[in-house]
Amino acid sequence: MDYKTTVTKEVFECISPRIRLPLENLQNTVIFEIRLRKNSPVVIVTQQGSSFITKGGRLTQIFSDQCLVAAEYEINDTLNKCCGYSLHSYSKDLVNGFVTLSCGARIGVCGTAVYENGAVKSVKDITCLNIRIPRTVKGASEELIKSVFSDGLTSLMIIGPPSSGKTTVIKDLAYQVSDGRLGKYYKVCVIDERFEISGDSSALGPNTDIIRGFPKKTAVSMAVRTMSPDVIICDEVALDGETDEIIYGINCGVNFIITAHANETDFLTRGDLLNLCRKGNFSKIAFLSGADSPGKIKKVVGVDELTQNGGNNSGDSVGSFSGYKLYKAN
């Protein structure tokens, strides 16, 4: 796969100057994450894993006094710049642990919760920022185009652990489906709740509409009612309300391409995802390999392999799937 992962000008301008200067020496390095921790070495995550960066801008696997260390003020400065010097405007996102830049870069935030009337209202004492660099991987969905969509548009579930490349794959799928790769220019609607899919809207294809910032359980019904999509694409499905809306959309005749956080074993205990398999008319499930090989397809399994009752008469089994027994989640 052809990785095109660049630290954009917007990301560079947000990083505190003393840290930014050494990073400029890594312009030709494919960077997945930049991790800043209070009074700790700056960590750069690439396809080879985690490395430190020296004050001179060189990656190293050895921690020494030559490594760049992030001070508390630099973390605060970087976060303030990411929020346009208005932390209050991003308070809802900060409570959920992240801030997203307009380019699609998502910054994970670790700190101390501030409570008001029993609910988390803000975050203080920021100790860590994880700047996740959005990446475009040309051809990331090629295997899925061939194995899942050879007979035309259908519904697909993509399962993978964090940093396995789920967002990267669906971005390429949106482009391919919208750009006529399946034999016609299908109408695609991307639901980008956290502003991380559509940083570069042109990368999503010429026949793609984007709904940004709305919760998925609201945006799905909006898209079905107003945009007449052939397919709706959404990332990180996790809540029962979201799966209910997806089933509603499929019952209205819309195809879905969705992702969810899980590995192959965890998937078997996810009642919400199994319910989608049974009721949502998904034809295939694609499992990604993991963070060591982002975007790589481990296997694609047909949902028709989900056989009800699975030969188990205990009452706990809900089926068998690719050689596994599926059991109801507790």
Protein backbone atom coordinates (compact mmCIF):
# COMPACT_ATOMS: atom_id res chain seq x y z
CA MET A 1 0.00 0.00 0.00
CA ASP A 2 1.14 3.52 -0.79
CA TYR A 3 1.23 5.49 2.46
CA LYS A 4 0.75 9.22 2.19
CA THR A 5 0.93 10.32 5.79
CA THR A 6 2.06 13.90 6.18
CA VAL A 7 2.24 16.14 9.20
CA THR A 8 0.20 19.02 7.83
CA LYS A 9 1.02 22.69 8.21
CA GLU A 10 -1.89 23.00 10.63
CA VAL A 11 -0.46 20.29 12.90
CA PHE A 12 3.05 21.78 12.78
CA GLU A 13 1.76 25.24 13.67
CA CYS A 14 -0.03 23.87 16.73
CA ILE A 15 3.04 22.22 18.21
CA SER A 16 5.09 24.34 20.62
CA PRO A 17 8.15 25.81 18.78
CA ARG A 18 11.00 24.05 20.64
CA ILE A 19 9.41 20.68 19.86
CA ARG A 20 8.34 21.62 16.34
CA LEU A 21 11.85 22.48 15.10
CA PRO A 22 13.35 18.97 15.47
CA LEU A 23 10.20 17.47 13.94
CA GLU A 24 10.83 19.41 10.75
CA ASN A 25 13.76 17.06 10.09
CA LEU A 26 11.27 14.19 9.79
CA GLN A 27 9.31 15.57 6.82
CA ASN A 28 10.07 12.44 4.77
CA THR A 29 9.16 10.04 7.59
CA VAL A 30 5.74 8.39 7.66
CA ILE A 31 4.49 9.43 11.11
CA PHE A 32 1.37 7.92 12.67
CA GLU A 33 1.46 9.64 16.07
CA ILE A 34 3.33 12.34 17.99
CA ARG A 35 3.04 11.77 21.73
CA LEU A 36 3.85 14.57 24.19
CA ARG A 37 4.00 13.67 27.89
CA LYS A 38 4.72 16.05 30.75
CA ASN A 39 8.44 16.04 31.60
CA SER A 40 8.92 12.90 29.50
CA PRO A 41 10.55 12.18 26.14
CA VAL A 42 8.64 12.98 22.98
CA VAL A 43 7.65 9.74 21.26
CA ILE A 44 7.19 9.37 17.50
CA VAL A 45 5.13 6.39 16.31
CA THR A 46 5.85 5.10 12.81
CA GLN A 47 5.11 1.81 11.05
CA GLN A 48 8.18 0.42 12.82
CA GLY A 49 6.75 1.26 16.26
CA SER A 50 7.65 3.85 18.91
CA SER A 51 10.89 5.85 18.83
CA PHE A 52 12.31 8.82 20.71
CA ILE A 53 13.48 11.93 18.89
CA THR A 54 16.73 13.69 19.68
CA LYS A 55 17.09 17.43 20.07
CA GLY A 56 18.75 17.38 16.65
CA GLY A 57 15.73 15.75 15.00
CA ARG A 58 16.92 12.15 14.71
CA LEU A 59 14.84 9.08 15.64
CA THR A 60 16.42 6.71 18.15
CA GLN A 61 15.49 3.61 20.11
CA ILE A 62 17.79 4.63 22.97
CA PHE A 63 16.58 7.02 25.67
CA SER A 64 19.34 9.41 26.71
CA ASP A 65 19.84 13.03 27.74
CA GLN A 66 19.96 13.86 24.01
CA CYS A 67 16.26 13.01 23.64
CA LEU A 68 13.71 15.80 23.35
CA VAL A 69 11.59 16.15 26.52
CA ALA A 70 8.23 17.96 26.61
CA ALA A 71 7.78 20.49 29.39
CA GLU A 72 4.40 21.16 31.00
CA TYR A 73 4.16 24.64 29.47
CA GLU A 74 4.77 23.18 26.00
CA ILE A 75 1.92 20.71 26.38
CA ASN A 76 -0.38 23.52 27.54
CA ASP A 77 0.81 25.76 24.70
CA THR A 78 0.19 23.03 22.12
CA LEU A 79 -3.31 22.29 23.42
CA ASN A 80 -4.20 25.99 23.49
CA LYS A 81 -3.15 26.34 19.87
CA CYS A 82 -5.14 23.24 18.90
CA CYS A 83 -8.20 24.84 20.49
CA GLY A 84 -7.64 28.26 18.90
CA TYR A 85 -6.80 29.67 22.34
CA SER A 86 -10.37 28.98 23.46
CA LEU A 87 -10.42 25.83 25.60
CA HIS A 88 -13.98 26.66 26.67
CA SER A 89 -15.18 26.32 23.07
CA TYR A 90 -13.84 22.75 23.02
CA SER A 91 -14.99 21.77 26.51
CA LYS A 92 -17.42 19.10 25.24
CA ASP A 93 -14.71 17.45 23.16
CA LEU A 94 -12.14 17.72 25.96
CA VAL A 95 -14.51 15.97 28.37
CA ASN A 96 -14.64 13.14 25.84
CA GLY A 97 -10.85 13.05 25.71
CA PHE A 98 -9.97 14.55 22.34
CA VAL A 99 -9.80 17.61 20.10
CA THR A 100 -9.97 17.39 16.30
CA LEU A 101 -8.27 19.82 13.91
CA SER A 102 -9.85 20.85 10.63
CA CYS A 103 -7.32 18.68 8.73
CA GLY A 104 -8.71 15.61 10.49
CA ALA A 105 -5.88 15.16 12.98
CA ARG A 106 -7.26 14.01 16.32
CA ILE A 107 -5.46 14.94 19.53
CA GLY A 108 -6.06 12.60 22.45
CA VAL A 109 -5.94 14.41 25.79
CA CYS A 110 -5.08 12.94 29.22
CA GLY A 111 -5.65 14.94 32.39
CA THR A 112 -7.69 15.17 35.57
CA ALA A 113 -11.49 15.25 35.48
CA VAL A 114 -13.30 18.23 37.03
CA TYR A 115 -16.74 17.34 38.38
CA GLU A 116 -19.81 19.50 38.81
CA ASN A 117 -23.07 18.09 40.20
CA GLY A 118 -21.76 14.58 39.73
CA ALA A 119 -20.84 14.97 36.06
CA VAL A 120 -17.49 15.65 34.38
CA LYS A 121 -17.56 19.28 33.23
CA SER A 122 -13.96 19.94 32.22
CA VAL A 123 -10.39 18.67 32.33
CA LYS A 124 -7.41 20.16 34.15
CA ASP A 125 -3.74 19.35 34.75
CA ILE A 126 -3.12 18.08 31.22
CA THR A 127 -0.29 15.51 31.27
CA CYS A 128 -0.33 13.97 27.79
CA LEU A 129 -1.27 14.78 24.20
CA ASN A 130 -1.40 12.14 21.48
CA ILE A 131 -1.45 13.79 18.05
CA ARG A 132 -2.76 11.21 15.59
CA ILE A 133 -1.82 12.12 12.05
CA PRO A 134 -4.53 11.46 9.44
CA ARG A 135 -3.28 9.30 6.63
CA THR A 136 -4.37 8.50 3.12
CA VAL A 137 -3.42 5.05 1.90
CA LYS A 138 -3.98 4.72 -1.82
CA GLY A 139 -5.54 1.34 -2.48
CA ALA A 140 -6.24 0.59 1.19
CA SER A 141 -9.64 -0.83 0.26
CA GLU A 142 -8.58 -2.68 -2.90
CA GLU A 143 -8.84 -6.13 -1.34
CA LEU A 144 -12.33 -5.32 -0.06
CA ILE A 145 -13.40 -3.95 -3.44
CA LYS A 146 -12.46 -7.30 -5.00
CA SER A 147 -13.69 -9.67 -2.29
CA VAL A 148 -16.79 -7.89 -0.99
CA PHE A 149 -18.07 -5.67 -3.79
CA SER A 150 -17.36 -7.80 -6.86
CA ASP A 151 -21.11 -8.18 -7.44
CA GLY A 152 -22.00 -4.58 -6.60
CA LEU A 153 -22.76 -2.48 -3.55
CA THR A 154 -23.56 -4.28 -0.29
CA SER A 155 -23.30 -3.71 3.46
CA LEU A 156 -19.95 -4.33 5.18
CA MET A 157 -18.75 -4.36 8.78
CA ILE A 158 -15.03 -3.67 9.40
CA ILE A 159 -13.66 -4.85 12.76
CA GLY A 160 -10.27 -3.97 14.21
CA PRO A 161 -8.48 -2.90 17.40
CA PRO A 162 -7.35 0.72 17.93
CA SER A 163 -4.85 2.03 15.33
CA SER A 164 -5.51 -0.89 12.97
CA GLY A 165 -6.41 1.45 10.10
CA LYS A 166 -10.21 1.33 10.14
CA THR A 167 -10.64 5.02 9.33
CA THR A 168 -7.98 4.83 6.62
CA VAL A 169 -9.78 1.95 4.91
CA ILE A 170 -13.24 3.54 4.96
CA LYS A 171 -11.86 6.81 3.59
CA ASP A 172 -10.51 4.94 0.59
CA LEU A 173 -13.74 2.95 0.29
CA ALA A 174 -15.76 6.19 0.22
CA TYR A 175 -13.62 7.46 -2.63
CA GLN A 176 -13.71 4.25 -4.63
CA VAL A 177 -17.47 3.75 -4.29
CA SER A 178 -18.21 7.41 -5.07
CA ASP A 179 -15.75 7.53 -7.97
CA GLY A 180 -17.30 4.77 -10.04
CA ARG A 181 -14.95 1.93 -9.04
CA LEU A 182 -17.96 -0.42 -8.76
CA GLY A 183 -19.27 0.40 -12.23
CA LYS A 184 -21.40 3.42 -11.36
CA TYR A 185 -21.15 6.60 -9.32
CA TYR A 186 -22.96 5.58 -6.15
CA LYS A 187 -24.27 8.28 -3.82
CA VAL A 188 -22.18 8.10 -0.66
CA CYS A 189 -22.97 9.82 2.64
CA VAL A 190 -20.18 9.95 5.23
CA ILE A 191 -21.18 10.56 8.84
CA ASP A 192 -18.17 12.18 10.49
CA GLU A 193 -19.14 12.61 14.12
CA ARG A 194 -15.63 13.45 15.37
CA PHE A 195 -14.39 15.44 12.33
CA GLU A 196 -11.60 12.95 11.59
CA ILE A 197 -12.76 11.36 8.32
CA SER A 198 -13.42 14.44 6.22
CA GLY A 199 -10.39 16.66 6.87
CA ASP A 200 -9.72 16.50 3.12
CA SER A 201 -13.21 16.18 1.65
CA SER A 202 -11.83 15.77 -1.88
CA ALA A 203 -10.27 12.46 -0.75
CA LEU A 204 -13.77 11.04 -0.23
CA GLY A 205 -14.81 11.13 -3.88
CA PRO A 206 -16.86 13.28 -6.26
CA ASN A 207 -20.29 11.92 -5.30
CA THR A 208 -19.96 12.04 -1.50
CA ASP A 209 -21.98 14.09 0.99
CA ILE A 210 -20.64 14.70 4.50
CA ILE A 211 -22.57 15.17 7.75
CA ARG A 212 -20.15 16.45 10.40
CA GLY A 213 -20.45 16.75 14.16
CA PHE A 214 -23.87 15.13 14.58
CA PRO A 215 -24.21 12.00 16.75
CA LYS A 216 -24.55 8.92 14.54
CA LYS A 217 -27.96 8.02 15.96
CA THR A 218 -29.23 11.42 14.76
CA ALA A 219 -27.24 11.69 11.55
CA VAL A 220 -28.34 8.33 10.13
CA SER A 221 -32.01 9.27 10.10
CA MET A 222 -31.11 12.73 8.72
CA ALA A 223 -29.20 11.15 5.85
CA VAL A 224 -31.93 8.62 5.05
CA ARG A 225 -34.66 11.26 5.02
CA THR A 226 -32.87 14.03 3.16
CA MET A 227 -29.95 12.73 1.07
CA SER A 228 -31.28 9.50 -0.54
CA PRO A 229 -27.88 7.80 -0.20
CA ASP A 230 -26.97 4.48 -1.78
CA VAL A 231 -24.57 3.85 1.08
CA ILE A 232 -23.88 5.46 4.45
CA ILE A 233 -20.35 5.21 5.89
CA CYS A 234 -19.69 5.75 9.59
CA ASP A 235 -16.80 5.06 11.93
CA GLU A 236 -16.54 3.52 15.40
CA VAL A 237 -20.07 2.26 16.01
CA ALA A 238 -20.36 1.52 19.72
CA LEU A 239 -23.76 2.37 21.21
CA ASP A 240 -27.02 0.44 21.06
CA GLY A 241 -28.84 3.56 19.85
CA GLU A 242 -26.44 3.74 16.92
CA THR A 243 -26.98 0.12 15.92
CA ASP A 244 -30.76 0.59 16.12
CA GLU A 245 -30.52 3.51 13.69
CA ILE A 246 -28.34 1.50 11.32
CA ILE A 247 -30.93 -1.30 11.28
CA TYR A 248 -33.58 1.34 10.56
CA GLY A 249 -31.51 2.68 7.66
CA ILE A 250 -30.94 -0.77 6.19
CA ASN A 251 -34.67 -1.50 6.47
CA CYS A 252 -35.18 1.67 4.39
CA GLY A 253 -33.03 0.17 1.63
CA VAL A 254 -29.71 1.90 2.35
CA ASN A 255 -26.41 0.00 2.41
CA PHE A 256 -23.96 0.64 5.24
CA ILE A 257 -20.20 0.43 5.63
CA ILE A 258 -19.32 0.70 9.31
CA THR A 259 -16.33 0.13 11.59
CA ALA A 260 -16.15 -0.96 15.22
CA HIS A 261 -13.42 -1.37 17.83
CA ALA A 262 -12.82 -5.05 18.58
CA ASN A 263 -10.48 -7.87 17.78
CA GLU A 264 -11.64 -11.16 16.35
CA THR A 265 -12.22 -12.73 19.77
CA ASP A 266 -13.93 -9.69 21.32
CA PHE A 267 -16.32 -9.53 18.39
CA LEU A 268 -17.87 -12.81 19.52
CA THR A 269 -18.98 -11.19 22.80
CA ARG A 270 -20.29 -7.92 21.33
CA GLY A 271 -24.07 -8.31 21.50
CA ASP A 272 -24.64 -5.04 19.62
CA LEU A 273 -22.53 -6.15 16.65
CA LEU A 274 -23.97 -9.66 16.62
CA ASN A 275 -27.43 -8.12 16.60
CA LEU A 276 -26.45 -6.15 13.50
CA CYS A 277 -25.28 -9.39 11.90
CA ARG A 278 -28.62 -11.02 12.55
CA LYS A 279 -30.89 -8.09 11.75
CA GLY A 280 -28.86 -5.69 9.67
CA ASN A 281 -28.45 -7.58 6.41
CA PHE A 282 -24.66 -7.23 6.38
CA SER A 283 -23.14 -9.57 3.82
CA LYS A 284 -19.50 -9.58 4.95
CA ILE A 285 -17.35 -8.87 8.00
CA ALA A 286 -13.72 -7.81 7.47
CA PHE A 287 -11.20 -8.21 10.29
CA LEU A 288 -8.09 -6.00 10.25
CA SER A 289 -4.70 -7.31 11.35
CA GLY A 290 -3.87 -4.71 14.00
CA ALA A 291 -1.66 -1.73 14.80
CA ASP A 292 1.50 -3.43 13.49
CA SER A 293 0.01 -3.55 9.97
CA PRO A 294 -2.53 -0.70 9.77
CA GLY A 295 -5.04 -1.13 6.98
CA LYS A 296 -4.11 -4.77 6.30
CA ILE A 297 -7.06 -7.13 5.93
CA LYS A 298 -6.62 -10.26 8.06
CA LYS A 299 -9.69 -12.07 6.77
CA VAL A 300 -13.13 -11.47 5.25
CA VAL A 301 -15.96 -13.71 6.44
CA GLY A 302 -19.47 -14.04 5.04
CA VAL A 303 -22.30 -13.34 7.47
CA ASP A 304 -24.14 -16.25 5.87
CA GLU A 305 -21.68 -18.39 7.86
CA LEU A 306 -23.58 -17.26 10.94
CA THR A 307 -25.79 -20.31 11.46
CA GLN A 308 -28.60 -19.98 13.98
CA ASN A 309 -28.50 -22.32 17.03
CA GLY A 310 -25.06 -23.61 15.98
CA GLY A 311 -25.84 -27.14 17.13
CA ASN A 312 -25.82 -26.09 20.77
CA ASN A 313 -28.99 -26.86 22.72
CA SER A 314 -27.94 -25.09 25.91
CA GLY A 315 -29.91 -21.97 25.04
CA ASP A 316 -26.84 -19.76 25.42
CA SER A 317 -25.57 -20.15 21.87
CA VAL A 318 -26.69 -17.67 19.24
CA GLY A 319 -24.85 -19.33 16.37
CA SER A 320 -21.55 -20.41 14.90
CA PHE A 321 -19.32 -18.14 12.88
CA SER A 322 -16.28 -19.15 10.86
CA GLY A 323 -15.67 -22.10 13.13
CA TYR A 324 -16.47 -20.28 16.38
CA LYS A 325 -19.45 -20.59 18.65
CA LEU A 326 -21.19 -17.29 19.36
CA TYR A 327 -22.59 -16.78 22.83
CA LYS A 328 -24.90 -14.15 24.18
CA ALA A 329 -23.09 -11.31 25.92
CA ASN A 330 -23.78 -11.06 29.63
